[in-house]
Amino acid sequence: MVRLLPVPAWKLLAAELAPPALIWSIYLFSAGVTLLGCAAPRGALAGTLLAGCGPVLSAWMALLAMLITLWYPDAQDRLQRLLAGLILM
């Protein structure tokens, strides 16, 4: 993360976290709604969990990935992005 303008740190963090968390939230929510709509065995339980808990879990995972990325101060370190990506999977 590079700070070019005098922007508060929480806005930079929100701008970094929002896109991946939103994309995963939309995916998990739509998968949950699809499971609720089909007649799969135990689909109601799995669909409710995916649609309800999935977006919250993806937001927490994105936050954890950002914290791991910020833990290593060297911006050129490729390991920090690899670890963050593995956590997000």
Protein backbone atom coordinates (compact mmCIF):
# COMPACT_ATOMS: atom_id res chain seq x y z
CA MET A 1 0.00 0.00 0.00
CA VAL A 2 1.39 3.35 -1.02
CA ARG A 3 0.14 6.56 0.53
CA LEU A 4 0.35 9.29 -2.10
CA LEU A 5 -2.31 11.61 -0.72
CA PRO A 6 -3.08 12.57 2.86
CA VAL A 7 -5.88 10.04 3.20
CA PRO A 8 -6.78 8.53 6.58
CA ALA A 9 -5.52 5.01 7.11
CA TRP A 10 -8.99 3.54 7.66
CA LYS A 11 -10.07 4.73 4.19
CA LEU A 12 -7.06 3.03 2.60
CA LEU A 13 -7.82 -0.16 4.49
CA ALA A 14 -11.47 -0.04 3.43
CA ALA A 15 -10.47 0.53 -0.20
CA GLU A 16 -8.17 -2.50 -0.08
CA LEU A 17 -10.67 -4.78 1.69
CA ALA A 18 -13.91 -3.88 -0.05
CA PRO A 19 -13.44 -5.40 -3.55
CA PRO A 20 -12.38 -8.95 -2.59
CA ALA A 21 -14.81 -9.12 0.32
CA LEU A 22 -17.67 -7.88 -1.86
CA ILE A 23 -16.90 -10.29 -4.69
CA TRP A 24 -16.74 -13.28 -2.35
CA SER A 25 -19.86 -12.12 -0.50
CA ILE A 26 -21.85 -11.94 -3.72
CA TYR A 27 -20.61 -15.38 -4.74
CA LEU A 28 -21.44 -17.00 -1.39
CA PHE A 29 -24.83 -15.29 -1.16
CA SER A 30 -25.83 -16.38 -4.66
CA ALA A 31 -24.65 -19.94 -3.97
CA GLY A 32 -26.78 -19.97 -0.82
CA VAL A 33 -29.84 -18.68 -2.64
CA THR A 34 -29.32 -21.29 -5.36
CA LEU A 35 -29.15 -24.07 -2.77
CA LEU A 36 -32.30 -22.74 -1.12
CA GLY A 37 -34.08 -22.82 -4.47
CA CYS A 38 -33.20 -26.38 -5.42
CA ALA A 39 -34.43 -29.56 -3.78
CA ALA A 40 -31.06 -30.80 -2.56
CA PRO A 41 -30.92 -32.87 0.60
CA ARG A 42 -30.14 -30.52 3.48
CA GLY A 43 -30.08 -27.71 0.93
CA ALA A 44 -32.09 -25.42 3.19
CA LEU A 45 -29.50 -25.61 5.96
CA ALA A 46 -26.51 -25.24 3.66
CA GLY A 47 -28.18 -22.45 1.69
CA THR A 48 -29.07 -20.52 4.82
CA LEU A 49 -25.54 -20.84 6.17
CA LEU A 50 -23.97 -19.79 2.87
CA ALA A 51 -26.33 -16.84 2.37
CA GLY A 52 -26.22 -15.69 5.99
CA CYS A 53 -22.78 -16.54 7.33
CA GLY A 54 -20.80 -16.61 4.09
CA PRO A 55 -20.59 -12.83 3.55
CA VAL A 56 -19.57 -12.24 7.16
CA LEU A 57 -16.93 -14.95 6.95
CA SER A 58 -15.53 -13.57 3.69
CA ALA A 59 -15.25 -10.08 5.22
CA TRP A 60 -13.34 -11.51 8.20
CA MET A 61 -11.06 -13.49 5.88
CA ALA A 62 -10.32 -10.38 3.81
CA LEU A 63 -9.49 -8.49 7.00
CA LEU A 64 -7.21 -11.31 8.13
CA ALA A 65 -5.48 -11.34 4.74
CA MET A 66 -4.91 -7.58 4.97
CA LEU A 67 -3.50 -7.89 8.49
CA ILE A 68 -1.07 -10.56 7.32
CA THR A 69 -0.06 -8.34 4.41
CA LEU A 70 0.50 -5.36 6.71
CA TRP A 71 2.40 -7.47 9.25
CA TYR A 72 5.37 -7.71 6.85
CA PRO A 73 6.61 -4.14 6.26
CA ASP A 74 8.68 -4.90 3.15
CA ALA A 75 6.51 -3.92 0.18
CA GLN A 76 8.64 -5.96 -2.26
CA ASP A 77 8.12 -9.19 -0.38
CA ARG A 78 6.16 -11.62 -2.55
CA LEU A 79 5.54 -13.90 0.40
CA GLN A 80 3.10 -11.47 2.01
CA ARG A 81 0.77 -11.53 -1.00
CA LEU A 82 1.09 -15.30 -1.27
CA LEU A 83 0.15 -15.76 2.38
CA ALA A 84 -2.72 -13.33 2.06
CA GLY A 85 -4.00 -15.14 -1.02
CA LEU A 86 -3.77 -18.51 0.69
CA ILE A 87 -5.71 -17.20 3.70
CA LEU A 88 -8.41 -15.82 1.40
CA MET A 89 -8.89 -19.18 -0.32
